[in-house]
Full PDB file with SEQRES, HELIX, SHEET, SSBOND, CRYST1, ORIGX, SCALE, CONECT and MASTER records, all heavy atoms in Angstrom:
SEQRES   1 A   34  TYR SER ILE VAL VAL ASN ASN PHE THR ASP LEU LYS CYS          
SEQRES   2 A   34  THR ASN TRP ILE PRO GLU GLU ASN SER VAL ILE GLU LEU          
SEQRES   3 A   34  LYS TYR ASP TYR LEU SER GLU ASN                              
SHEET    1 AA1 2 VAL A   5  ASN A   6  0                                        
SHEET    2 AA1 2 LEU A  11  LYS A  12 -1                                        
CRYST1    1.000    1.000    1.000  90.00  90.00  90.00 P 1           1          
ORIGX1      1.000000  0.000000  0.000000        0.00000                         
ORIGX2      0.000000  1.000000  0.000000        0.00000                         
ORIGX3      0.000000  0.000000  1.000000        0.00000                         
SCALE1      1.000000  0.000000  0.000000        0.00000                         
SCALE2      0.000000  1.000000  0.000000        0.00000                         
SCALE3      0.000000  0.000000  1.000000        0.00000                         
ATOM      1  N   TYR A   1       0.824  -1.201  -0.001  1.00  0.00           N  
ATOM      2  CA  TYR A   1      -0.003   0.000   0.004  1.00  0.00           C  
ATOM      3  C   TYR A   1       0.863   1.256  -0.002  1.00  0.00           C  
ATOM      4  O   TYR A   1       1.953   1.272   0.591  1.00  0.00           O  
ATOM      5  CB  TYR A   1      -0.874   0.061   1.254  1.00  0.00           C  
ATOM      6  CG  TYR A   1      -1.639  -1.197   1.578  1.00  0.00           C  
ATOM      7  CD1 TYR A   1      -1.344  -1.947   2.730  1.00  0.00           C  
ATOM      8  CD2 TYR A   1      -2.672  -1.644   0.762  1.00  0.00           C  
ATOM      9  CE1 TYR A   1      -2.047  -3.086   3.053  1.00  0.00           C  
ATOM     10  CE2 TYR A   1      -3.387  -2.785   1.078  1.00  0.00           C  
ATOM     11  CZ  TYR A   1      -3.078  -3.502   2.223  1.00  0.00           C  
ATOM     12  OH  TYR A   1      -3.785  -4.631   2.537  1.00  0.00           O  
ATOM     13  N   SER A   2       0.351   2.307  -0.621  1.00  0.00           N  
ATOM     14  CA  SER A   2       1.017   3.607  -0.541  1.00  0.00           C  
ATOM     15  C   SER A   2      -0.021   4.721  -0.579  1.00  0.00           C  
ATOM     16  O   SER A   2      -0.896   4.734  -1.462  1.00  0.00           O  
ATOM     17  CB  SER A   2       2.008   3.795  -1.695  1.00  0.00           C  
ATOM     18  OG  SER A   2       2.619   5.081  -1.612  1.00  0.00           O  
ATOM     19  N   ILE A   3       0.064   5.624   0.369  1.00  0.00           N  
ATOM     20  CA  ILE A   3      -0.792   6.810   0.365  1.00  0.00           C  
ATOM     21  C   ILE A   3      -0.354   7.723  -0.765  1.00  0.00           C  
ATOM     22  O   ILE A   3       0.843   7.883  -1.028  1.00  0.00           O  
ATOM     23  CB  ILE A   3      -0.696   7.559   1.719  1.00  0.00           C  
ATOM     24  CG1 ILE A   3      -1.205   6.667   2.843  1.00  0.00           C  
ATOM     25  CG2 ILE A   3      -1.479   8.861   1.669  1.00  0.00           C  
ATOM     26  CD1 ILE A   3      -2.674   6.310   2.751  1.00  0.00           C  
ATOM     27  N   VAL A   4      -1.312   8.332  -1.450  1.00  0.00           N  
ATOM     28  CA  VAL A   4      -1.005   9.273  -2.530  1.00  0.00           C  
ATOM     29  C   VAL A   4      -0.783  10.659  -1.949  1.00  0.00           C  
ATOM     30  O   VAL A   4      -1.624  11.175  -1.212  1.00  0.00           O  
ATOM     31  CB  VAL A   4      -2.158   9.317  -3.556  1.00  0.00           C  
ATOM     32  CG1 VAL A   4      -1.920  10.435  -4.573  1.00  0.00           C  
ATOM     33  CG2 VAL A   4      -2.272   7.981  -4.258  1.00  0.00           C  
ATOM     34  N   VAL A   5       0.352  11.240  -2.239  1.00  0.00           N  
ATOM     35  CA  VAL A   5       0.647  12.619  -1.843  1.00  0.00           C  
ATOM     36  C   VAL A   5       0.196  13.538  -2.963  1.00  0.00           C  
ATOM     37  O   VAL A   5       0.695  13.461  -4.091  1.00  0.00           O  
ATOM     38  CB  VAL A   5       2.149  12.816  -1.561  1.00  0.00           C  
ATOM     39  CG1 VAL A   5       2.432  14.263  -1.194  1.00  0.00           C  
ATOM     40  CG2 VAL A   5       2.607  11.873  -0.453  1.00  0.00           C  
ATOM     41  N   ASN A   6      -0.762  14.383  -2.664  1.00  0.00           N  
ATOM     42  CA  ASN A   6      -1.353  15.266  -3.668  1.00  0.00           C  
ATOM     43  C   ASN A   6      -0.721  16.649  -3.568  1.00  0.00           C  
ATOM     44  O   ASN A   6      -0.950  17.382  -2.599  1.00  0.00           O  
ATOM     45  CB  ASN A   6      -2.861  15.356  -3.456  1.00  0.00           C  
ATOM     46  CG  ASN A   6      -3.558  16.022  -4.628  1.00  0.00           C  
ATOM     47  OD1 ASN A   6      -2.964  16.785  -5.374  1.00  0.00           O  
ATOM     48  ND2 ASN A   6      -4.830  15.713  -4.804  1.00  0.00           N  
ATOM     49  N   ASN A   7       0.103  16.987  -4.561  1.00  0.00           N  
ATOM     50  CA  ASN A   7       0.750  18.305  -4.599  1.00  0.00           C  
ATOM     51  C   ASN A   7      -0.001  19.272  -5.506  1.00  0.00           C  
ATOM     52  O   ASN A   7       0.543  20.302  -5.891  1.00  0.00           O  
ATOM     53  CB  ASN A   7       2.190  18.153  -5.091  1.00  0.00           C  
ATOM     54  CG  ASN A   7       3.025  17.295  -4.160  1.00  0.00           C  
ATOM     55  OD1 ASN A   7       2.957  17.442  -2.941  1.00  0.00           O  
ATOM     56  ND2 ASN A   7       3.796  16.382  -4.722  1.00  0.00           N  
ATOM     57  N   PHE A   8      -1.240  18.899  -5.842  1.00  0.00           N  
ATOM     58  CA  PHE A   8      -2.133  19.701  -6.696  1.00  0.00           C  
ATOM     59  C   PHE A   8      -1.701  19.681  -8.163  1.00  0.00           C  
ATOM     60  O   PHE A   8      -2.504  19.489  -9.057  1.00  0.00           O  
ATOM     61  CB  PHE A   8      -2.238  21.138  -6.168  1.00  0.00           C  
ATOM     62  CG  PHE A   8      -2.825  21.213  -4.786  1.00  0.00           C  
ATOM     63  CD1 PHE A   8      -2.037  21.426  -3.678  1.00  0.00           C  
ATOM     64  CD2 PHE A   8      -4.184  21.055  -4.612  1.00  0.00           C  
ATOM     65  CE1 PHE A   8      -2.582  21.487  -2.402  1.00  0.00           C  
ATOM     66  CE2 PHE A   8      -4.755  21.098  -3.338  1.00  0.00           C  
ATOM     67  CZ  PHE A   8      -3.943  21.316  -2.228  1.00  0.00           C  
ATOM     68  N   THR A   9      -0.422  19.888  -8.416  1.00  0.00           N  
ATOM     69  CA  THR A   9       0.039  19.841  -9.809  1.00  0.00           C  
ATOM     70  C   THR A   9       0.460  18.432 -10.217  1.00  0.00           C  
ATOM     71  O   THR A   9       0.532  18.124 -11.408  1.00  0.00           O  
ATOM     72  CB  THR A   9       1.227  20.787 -10.022  1.00  0.00           C  
ATOM     73  OG1 THR A   9       2.275  20.431  -9.120  1.00  0.00           O  
ATOM     74  CG2 THR A   9       0.800  22.230  -9.784  1.00  0.00           C  
ATOM     75  N   ASP A  10       0.747  17.585  -9.214  1.00  0.00           N  
ATOM     76  CA  ASP A  10       1.096  16.195  -9.503  1.00  0.00           C  
ATOM     77  C   ASP A  10       0.820  15.334  -8.280  1.00  0.00           C  
ATOM     78  O   ASP A  10       0.569  15.836  -7.180  1.00  0.00           O  
ATOM     79  CB  ASP A  10       2.554  16.065  -9.949  1.00  0.00           C  
ATOM     80  CG  ASP A  10       3.526  16.404  -8.833  1.00  0.00           C  
ATOM     81  OD1 ASP A  10       3.126  17.163  -7.920  1.00  0.00           O  
ATOM     82  OD2 ASP A  10       4.665  15.918  -8.857  1.00  0.00           O  
ATOM     83  N   LEU A  11       0.871  14.006  -8.488  1.00  0.00           N  
ATOM     84  CA  LEU A  11       0.641  13.035  -7.426  1.00  0.00           C  
ATOM     85  C   LEU A  11       1.852  12.128  -7.308  1.00  0.00           C  
ATOM     86  O   LEU A  11       2.498  11.808  -8.307  1.00  0.00           O  
ATOM     87  CB  LEU A  11      -0.604  12.179  -7.732  1.00  0.00           C  
ATOM     88  CG  LEU A  11      -1.888  12.916  -8.093  1.00  0.00           C  
ATOM     89  CD1 LEU A  11      -2.943  11.914  -8.564  1.00  0.00           C  
ATOM     90  CD2 LEU A  11      -2.414  13.702  -6.913  1.00  0.00           C  
ATOM     91  N   LYS A  12       2.153  11.700  -6.077  1.00  0.00           N  
ATOM     92  CA  LYS A  12       3.282  10.807  -5.867  1.00  0.00           C  
ATOM     93  C   LYS A  12       2.924   9.746  -4.834  1.00  0.00           C  
ATOM     94  O   LYS A  12       2.167   9.989  -3.902  1.00  0.00           O  
ATOM     95  CB  LYS A  12       4.505  11.596  -5.382  1.00  0.00           C  
ATOM     96  CG  LYS A  12       5.082  12.547  -6.407  1.00  0.00           C  
ATOM     97  CD  LYS A  12       6.317  13.252  -5.869  1.00  0.00           C  
ATOM     98  CE  LYS A  12       6.911  14.205  -6.911  1.00  0.00           C  
ATOM     99  NZ  LYS A  12       8.117  14.897  -6.404  1.00  0.00           N  
ATOM    100  N   CYS A  13       3.515   8.563  -5.019  1.00  0.00           N  
ATOM    101  CA  CYS A  13       3.429   7.525  -3.982  1.00  0.00           C  
ATOM    102  C   CYS A  13       4.771   6.800  -3.945  1.00  0.00           C  
ATOM    103  O   CYS A  13       5.195   6.222  -4.944  1.00  0.00           O  
ATOM    104  CB  CYS A  13       2.279   6.569  -4.240  1.00  0.00           C  
ATOM    105  SG  CYS A  13       2.244   5.777  -5.836  1.00  0.00           S  
ATOM    106  N   THR A  14       5.442   6.880  -2.829  1.00  0.00           N  
ATOM    107  CA  THR A  14       6.791   6.330  -2.711  1.00  0.00           C  
ATOM    108  C   THR A  14       6.980   5.460  -1.472  1.00  0.00           C  
ATOM    109  O   THR A  14       7.857   4.597  -1.447  1.00  0.00           O  
ATOM    110  CB  THR A  14       7.830   7.468  -2.662  1.00  0.00           C  
ATOM    111  OG1 THR A  14       7.495   8.352  -1.588  1.00  0.00           O  
ATOM    112  CG2 THR A  14       7.843   8.248  -3.975  1.00  0.00           C  
ATOM    113  N   ASN A  15       6.170   5.694  -0.449  1.00  0.00           N  
ATOM    114  CA  ASN A  15       6.359   4.978   0.810  1.00  0.00           C  
ATOM    115  C   ASN A  15       5.457   3.745   0.862  1.00  0.00           C  
ATOM    116  O   ASN A  15       4.312   3.795   1.295  1.00  0.00           O  
ATOM    117  CB  ASN A  15       6.048   5.898   1.990  1.00  0.00           C  
ATOM    118  CG  ASN A  15       6.341   5.247   3.326  1.00  0.00           C  
ATOM    119  OD1 ASN A  15       7.176   4.357   3.418  1.00  0.00           O  
ATOM    120  ND2 ASN A  15       5.625   5.669   4.362  1.00  0.00           N  
ATOM    121  N   TRP A  16       5.979   2.607   0.404  1.00  0.00           N  
ATOM    122  CA  TRP A  16       5.183   1.388   0.320  1.00  0.00           C  
ATOM    123  C   TRP A  16       5.190   0.638   1.644  1.00  0.00           C  
ATOM    124  O   TRP A  16       6.228   0.455   2.271  1.00  0.00           O  
ATOM    125  CB  TRP A  16       5.718   0.496  -0.778  1.00  0.00           C  
ATOM    126  CG  TRP A  16       5.546   1.064  -2.143  1.00  0.00           C  
ATOM    127  CD1 TRP A  16       6.483   1.712  -2.888  1.00  0.00           C  
ATOM    128  CD2 TRP A  16       4.348   1.072  -2.923  1.00  0.00           C  
ATOM    129  NE1 TRP A  16       5.948   2.118  -4.083  1.00  0.00           N  
ATOM    130  CE2 TRP A  16       4.642   1.741  -4.139  1.00  0.00           C  
ATOM    131  CE3 TRP A  16       3.053   0.579  -2.723  1.00  0.00           C  
ATOM    132  CZ2 TRP A  16       3.694   1.923  -5.146  1.00  0.00           C  
ATOM    133  CZ3 TRP A  16       2.116   0.755  -3.725  1.00  0.00           C  
ATOM    134  CH2 TRP A  16       2.430   1.421  -4.912  1.00  0.00           C  
ATOM    135  N   ILE A  17       3.999   0.204   2.067  1.00  0.00           N  
ATOM    136  CA  ILE A  17       3.847  -0.570   3.299  1.00  0.00           C  
ATOM    137  C   ILE A  17       3.338  -1.966   2.925  1.00  0.00           C  
ATOM    138  O   ILE A  17       2.286  -2.092   2.302  1.00  0.00           O  
ATOM    139  CB  ILE A  17       2.868   0.112   4.265  1.00  0.00           C  
ATOM    140  CG1 ILE A  17       3.371   1.517   4.612  1.00  0.00           C  
ATOM    141  CG2 ILE A  17       2.683  -0.727   5.524  1.00  0.00           C  
ATOM    142  CD1 ILE A  17       2.414   2.311   5.463  1.00  0.00           C  
ATOM    143  N   PRO A  18       4.061  -3.015   3.281  1.00  0.00           N  
ATOM    144  CA  PRO A  18       3.645  -4.373   2.902  1.00  0.00           C  
ATOM    145  C   PRO A  18       2.517  -4.894   3.792  1.00  0.00           C  
ATOM    146  O   PRO A  18       2.452  -4.582   4.985  1.00  0.00           O  
ATOM    147  CB  PRO A  18       4.916  -5.199   3.067  1.00  0.00           C  
ATOM    148  CG  PRO A  18       5.689  -4.459   4.128  1.00  0.00           C  
ATOM    149  CD  PRO A  18       5.380  -3.002   3.945  1.00  0.00           C  
ATOM    150  N   GLU A  19       1.635  -5.672   3.193  1.00  0.00           N  
ATOM    151  CA  GLU A  19       0.579  -6.377   3.920  1.00  0.00           C  
ATOM    152  C   GLU A  19       1.105  -7.731   4.370  1.00  0.00           C  
ATOM    153  O   GLU A  19       1.767  -8.434   3.607  1.00  0.00           O  
ATOM    154  CB  GLU A  19      -0.641  -6.547   3.012  1.00  0.00           C  
ATOM    155  CG  GLU A  19      -1.685  -7.519   3.495  1.00  0.00           C  
ATOM    156  CD  GLU A  19      -2.355  -7.060   4.782  1.00  0.00           C  
ATOM    157  OE1 GLU A  19      -2.835  -5.915   4.834  1.00  0.00           O  
ATOM    158  OE2 GLU A  19      -2.390  -7.870   5.731  1.00  0.00           O  
ATOM    159  N   GLU A  20       0.833  -8.093   5.617  1.00  0.00           N  
ATOM    160  CA  GLU A  20       1.348  -9.352   6.154  1.00  0.00           C  
ATOM    161  C   GLU A  20       0.650 -10.569   5.560  1.00  0.00           C  
ATOM    162  O   GLU A  20       1.253 -11.633   5.433  1.00  0.00           O  
ATOM    163  CB  GLU A  20       1.176  -9.377   7.678  1.00  0.00           C  
ATOM    164  CG  GLU A  20       1.999  -8.328   8.411  1.00  0.00           C  
ATOM    165  CD  GLU A  20       1.791  -8.396   9.910  1.00  0.00           C  
ATOM    166  OE1 GLU A  20       0.888  -9.162  10.338  1.00  0.00           O  
ATOM    167  OE2 GLU A  20       2.512  -7.709  10.635  1.00  0.00           O  
ATOM    168  N   ASN A  21      -0.621 -10.428   5.196  1.00  0.00           N  
ATOM    169  CA  ASN A  21      -1.406 -11.574   4.767  1.00  0.00           C  
ATOM    170  C   ASN A  21      -1.590 -11.625   3.262  1.00  0.00           C  
ATOM    171  O   ASN A  21      -1.402 -10.631   2.559  1.00  0.00           O  
ATOM    172  CB  ASN A  21      -2.798 -11.522   5.427  1.00  0.00           C  
ATOM    173  CG  ASN A  21      -2.723 -11.573   6.938  1.00  0.00           C  
ATOM    174  OD1 ASN A  21      -2.205 -12.528   7.508  1.00  0.00           O  
ATOM    175  ND2 ASN A  21      -3.231 -10.538   7.590  1.00  0.00           N  
ATOM    176  N   SER A  22      -1.974 -12.792   2.786  1.00  0.00           N  
ATOM    177  CA  SER A  22      -2.438 -12.965   1.411  1.00  0.00           C  
ATOM    178  C   SER A  22      -3.957 -13.114   1.450  1.00  0.00           C  
ATOM    179  O   SER A  22      -4.545 -13.305   2.510  1.00  0.00           O  
ATOM    180  CB  SER A  22      -1.784 -14.201   0.783  1.00  0.00           C  
ATOM    181  OG  SER A  22      -0.371 -14.069   0.776  1.00  0.00           O  
ATOM    182  N   VAL A  23      -4.584 -13.033   0.292  1.00  0.00           N  
ATOM    183  CA  VAL A  23      -6.044 -13.066   0.246  1.00  0.00           C  
ATOM    184  C   VAL A  23      -6.519 -14.026  -0.833  1.00  0.00           C  
ATOM    185  O   VAL A  23      -6.043 -13.973  -1.977  1.00  0.00           O  
ATOM    186  CB  VAL A  23      -6.636 -11.663  -0.024  1.00  0.00           C  
ATOM    187  CG1 VAL A  23      -8.163 -11.726  -0.013  1.00  0.00           C  
ATOM    188  CG2 VAL A  23      -6.147 -10.669   1.000  1.00  0.00           C  
ATOM    189  N   ILE A  24      -7.452 -14.895  -0.485  1.00  0.00           N  
ATOM    190  CA  ILE A  24      -8.147 -15.741  -1.433  1.00  0.00           C  
ATOM    191  C   ILE A  24      -9.541 -15.172  -1.631  1.00  0.00           C  
ATOM    192  O   ILE A  24     -10.212 -14.809  -0.654  1.00  0.00           O  
ATOM    193  CB  ILE A  24      -8.250 -17.191  -0.913  1.00  0.00           C  
ATOM    194  CG1 ILE A  24      -6.857 -17.817  -0.790  1.00  0.00           C  
ATOM    195  CG2 ILE A  24      -9.131 -18.031  -1.829  1.00  0.00           C  
ATOM    196  CD1 ILE A  24      -6.865 -19.141  -0.074  1.00  0.00           C  
ATOM    197  N   GLU A  25      -9.969 -15.078  -2.874  1.00  0.00           N  
ATOM    198  CA  GLU A  25     -11.354 -14.654  -3.143  1.00  0.00           C  
ATOM    199  C   GLU A  25     -12.022 -15.679  -4.044  1.00  0.00           C  
ATOM    200  O   GLU A  25     -11.479 -16.083  -5.076  1.00  0.00           O  
ATOM    201  CB  GLU A  25     -11.403 -13.274  -3.794  1.00  0.00           C  
ATOM    202  CG  GLU A  25     -12.829 -12.766  -3.970  1.00  0.00           C  
ATOM    203  CD  GLU A  25     -12.910 -11.291  -4.344  1.00  0.00           C  
ATOM    204  OE1 GLU A  25     -11.846 -10.707  -4.657  1.00  0.00           O  
ATOM    205  OE2 GLU A  25     -14.019 -10.742  -4.319  1.00  0.00           O  
ATOM    206  N   LEU A  26     -13.212 -16.098  -3.630  1.00  0.00           N  
ATOM    207  CA  LEU A  26     -14.024 -17.030  -4.397  1.00  0.00           C  
ATOM    208  C   LEU A  26     -15.212 -16.296  -5.001  1.00  0.00           C  
ATOM    209  O   LEU A  26     -15.902 -15.546  -4.303  1.00  0.00           O  
ATOM    210  CB  LEU A  26     -14.522 -18.171  -3.501  1.00  0.00           C  
ATOM    211  CG  LEU A  26     -13.443 -19.148  -3.030  1.00  0.00           C  
ATOM    212  CD1 LEU A  26     -13.962 -20.006  -1.875  1.00  0.00           C  
ATOM    213  CD2 LEU A  26     -12.994 -20.042  -4.175  1.00  0.00           C  
ATOM    214  N   LYS A  27     -15.441 -16.508  -6.285  1.00  0.00           N  
ATOM    215  CA  LYS A  27     -16.542 -15.847  -6.994  1.00  0.00           C  
ATOM    216  C   LYS A  27     -17.364 -16.928  -7.679  1.00  0.00           C  
ATOM    217  O   LYS A  27     -16.831 -17.732  -8.454  1.00  0.00           O  
ATOM    218  CB  LYS A  27     -15.991 -14.857  -8.002  1.00  0.00           C  
ATOM    219  CG  LYS A  27     -15.087 -13.798  -7.377  1.00  0.00           C  
ATOM    220  CD  LYS A  27     -14.434 -12.893  -8.405  1.00  0.00           C  
ATOM    221  CE  LYS A  27     -13.493 -11.907  -7.736  1.00  0.00           C  
ATOM    222  NZ  LYS A  27     -12.823 -11.013  -8.704  1.00  0.00           N  
ATOM    223  N   TYR A  28     -18.668 -16.915  -7.422  1.00  0.00           N  
ATOM    224  CA  TYR A  28     -19.493 -18.015  -7.919  1.00  0.00           C  
ATOM    225  C   TYR A  28     -20.968 -17.633  -7.956  1.00  0.00           C  
ATOM    226  O   TYR A  28     -21.401 -16.713  -7.260  1.00  0.00           O  
ATOM    227  CB  TYR A  28     -19.320 -19.240  -7.007  1.00  0.00           C  
ATOM    228  CG  TYR A  28     -19.708 -18.989  -5.562  1.00  0.00           C  
ATOM    229  CD1 TYR A  28     -20.954 -19.371  -5.085  1.00  0.00           C  
ATOM    230  CD2 TYR A  28     -18.837 -18.338  -4.698  1.00  0.00           C  
ATOM    231  CE1 TYR A  28     -21.318 -19.135  -3.769  1.00  0.00           C  
ATOM    232  CE2 TYR A  28     -19.192 -18.097  -3.384  1.00  0.00           C  
ATOM    233  CZ  TYR A  28     -20.426 -18.497  -2.918  1.00  0.00           C  
ATOM    234  OH  TYR A  28     -20.775 -18.244  -1.622  1.00  0.00           O  
ATOM    235  N   ASP A  29     -21.732 -18.341  -8.766  1.00  0.00           N  
ATOM    236  CA  ASP A  29     -23.186 -18.247  -8.750  1.00  0.00           C  
ATOM    237  C   ASP A  29     -23.707 -19.117  -7.609  1.00  0.00           C  
ATOM    238  O   ASP A  29     -23.065 -20.094  -7.209  1.00  0.00           O  
ATOM    239  CB  ASP A  29     -23.780 -18.728 -10.072  1.00  0.00           C  
ATOM    240  CG  ASP A  29     -23.368 -17.837 -11.231  1.00  0.00           C  
ATOM    241  OD1 ASP A  29     -23.191 -16.619 -11.011  1.00  0.00           O  
ATOM    242  OD2 ASP A  29     -23.198 -18.352 -12.345  1.00  0.00           O  
ATOM    243  N   TYR A  30     -24.884 -18.774  -7.097  1.00  0.00           N  
ATOM    244  CA  TYR A  30     -25.401 -19.516  -5.951  1.00  0.00           C  
ATOM    245  C   TYR A  30     -26.057 -20.809  -6.422  1.00  0.00           C  
ATOM    246  O   TYR A  30     -27.233 -20.847  -6.759  1.00  0.00           O  
ATOM    247  CB  TYR A  30     -26.407 -18.674  -5.164  1.00  0.00           C  
ATOM    248  CG  TYR A  30     -26.729 -19.275  -3.819  1.00  0.00           C  
ATOM    249  CD1 TYR A  30     -25.860 -19.094  -2.756  1.00  0.00           C  
ATOM    250  CD2 TYR A  30     -27.888 -20.021  -3.634  1.00  0.00           C  
ATOM    251  CE1 TYR A  30     -26.139 -19.655  -1.511  1.00  0.00           C  
ATOM    252  CE2 TYR A  30     -28.171 -20.587  -2.398  1.00  0.00           C  
ATOM    253  CZ  TYR A  30     -27.295 -20.393  -1.346  1.00  0.00           C  
ATOM    254  OH  TYR A  30     -27.572 -20.962  -0.121  1.00  0.00           O  
ATOM    255  N   LEU A  31     -25.257 -21.863  -6.479  1.00  0.00           N  
ATOM    256  CA  LEU A  31     -25.740 -23.187  -6.850  1.00  0.00           C  
ATOM    257  C   LEU A  31     -25.294 -24.173  -5.790  1.00  0.00           C  
ATOM    258  O   LEU A  31     -24.225 -24.009  -5.175  1.00  0.00           O  
ATOM    259  CB  LEU A  31     -25.187 -23.609  -8.213  1.00  0.00           C  
ATOM    260  CG  LEU A  31     -25.542 -22.696  -9.403  1.00  0.00           C  
ATOM    261  CD1 LEU A  31     -24.765 -23.155 -10.636  1.00  0.00           C  
ATOM    262  CD2 LEU A  31     -27.044 -22.732  -9.676  1.00  0.00           C  
ATOM    263  N   SER A  32     -26.071 -25.217  -5.554  1.00  0.00           N  
ATOM    264  CA  SER A  32     -25.766 -26.167  -4.490  1.00  0.00           C  
ATOM    265  C   SER A  32     -24.417 -26.848  -4.722  1.00  0.00           C  
ATOM    266  O   SER A  32     -23.641 -27.056  -3.780  1.00  0.00           O  
ATOM    267  CB  SER A  32     -26.869 -27.227  -4.393  1.00  0.00           C  
ATOM    268  OG  SER A  32     -27.022 -27.907  -5.622  1.00  0.00           O  
ATOM    269  N   GLU A  33     -24.125 -27.182  -5.995  1.00  0.00           N  
ATOM    270  CA  GLU A  33     -22.835 -27.840  -6.269  1.00  0.00           C  
ATOM    271  C   GLU A  33     -21.656 -26.908  -6.007  1.00  0.00           C  
ATOM    272  O   GLU A  33     -20.585 -27.338  -5.594  1.00  0.00           O  
ATOM    273  CB  GLU A  33     -22.790 -28.377  -7.709  1.00  0.00           C  
ATOM    274  CG  GLU A  33     -23.102 -27.351  -8.773  1.00  0.00           C  
ATOM    275  CD  GLU A  33     -24.564 -27.346  -9.173  1.00  0.00           C  
ATOM    276  OE1 GLU A  33     -25.402 -27.627  -8.294  1.00  0.00           O  
ATOM    277  OE2 GLU A  33     -24.872 -27.096 -10.342  1.00  0.00           O  
ATOM    278  N   ASN A  34     -21.864 -25.604  -6.239  1.00  0.00           N  
ATOM    279  CA  ASN A  34     -20.815 -24.632  -5.932  1.00  0.00           C  
ATOM    280  C   ASN A  34     -20.591 -24.542  -4.432  1.00  0.00           C  
ATOM    281  O   ASN A  34     -19.451 -24.424  -3.960  1.00  0.00           O  
ATOM    282  CB  ASN A  34     -21.175 -23.261  -6.484  1.00  0.00           C  
ATOM    283  CG  ASN A  34     -21.104 -23.205  -7.990  1.00  0.00           C  
ATOM    284  OD1 ASN A  34     -20.522 -24.085  -8.621  1.00  0.00           O  
ATOM    285  ND2 ASN A  34     -21.697 -22.193  -8.585  1.00  0.00           N  
TER     286      ASN A  34                                                      
MASTER        0    0    0    0    2    0    0    6  285    1    0    3          
END                                                                             
Protein backbone atom coordinates (compact mmCIF):
# COMPACT_ATOMS: atom_id res chain seq x y z
CA TYR A 1 0.00 0.00 0.00
CA SER A 2 1.02 3.61 -0.54
CA ILE A 3 -0.79 6.81 0.37
CA VAL A 4 -1.01 9.27 -2.53
CA VAL A 5 0.65 12.62 -1.84
CA ASN A 6 -1.35 15.27 -3.66
CA ASN A 7 0.75 18.30 -4.60
CA PHE A 8 -2.13 19.70 -6.69
CA THR A 9 0.04 19.84 -9.81
CA ASP A 10 1.10 16.20 -9.50
CA LEU A 11 0.64 13.04 -7.43
CA LYS A 12 3.28 10.81 -5.87
CA CYS A 13 3.43 7.53 -3.98
CA THR A 14 6.79 6.33 -2.71
CA ASN A 15 6.36 4.98 0.81
CA TRP A 16 5.18 1.39 0.32
CA ILE A 17 3.85 -0.57 3.30
CA PRO A 18 3.64 -4.37 2.90
CA GLU A 19 0.58 -6.38 3.92
CA GLU A 20 1.34 -9.35 6.15
CA ASN A 21 -1.41 -11.57 4.77
CA SER A 22 -2.44 -12.96 1.41
CA VAL A 23 -6.04 -13.07 0.25
CA ILE A 24 -8.14 -15.74 -1.43
CA GLU A 25 -11.35 -14.65 -3.14
CA LEU A 26 -14.02 -17.03 -4.40
CA LYS A 27 -16.54 -15.85 -6.99
CA TYR A 28 -19.49 -18.02 -7.92
CA ASP A 29 -23.19 -18.25 -8.75
CA TYR A 30 -25.40 -19.51 -5.95
CA LEU A 31 -25.74 -23.19 -6.85
CA SER A 32 -25.77 -26.17 -4.49
CA GLU A 33 -22.84 -27.84 -6.27
CA ASN A 34 -20.81 -24.63 -5.93
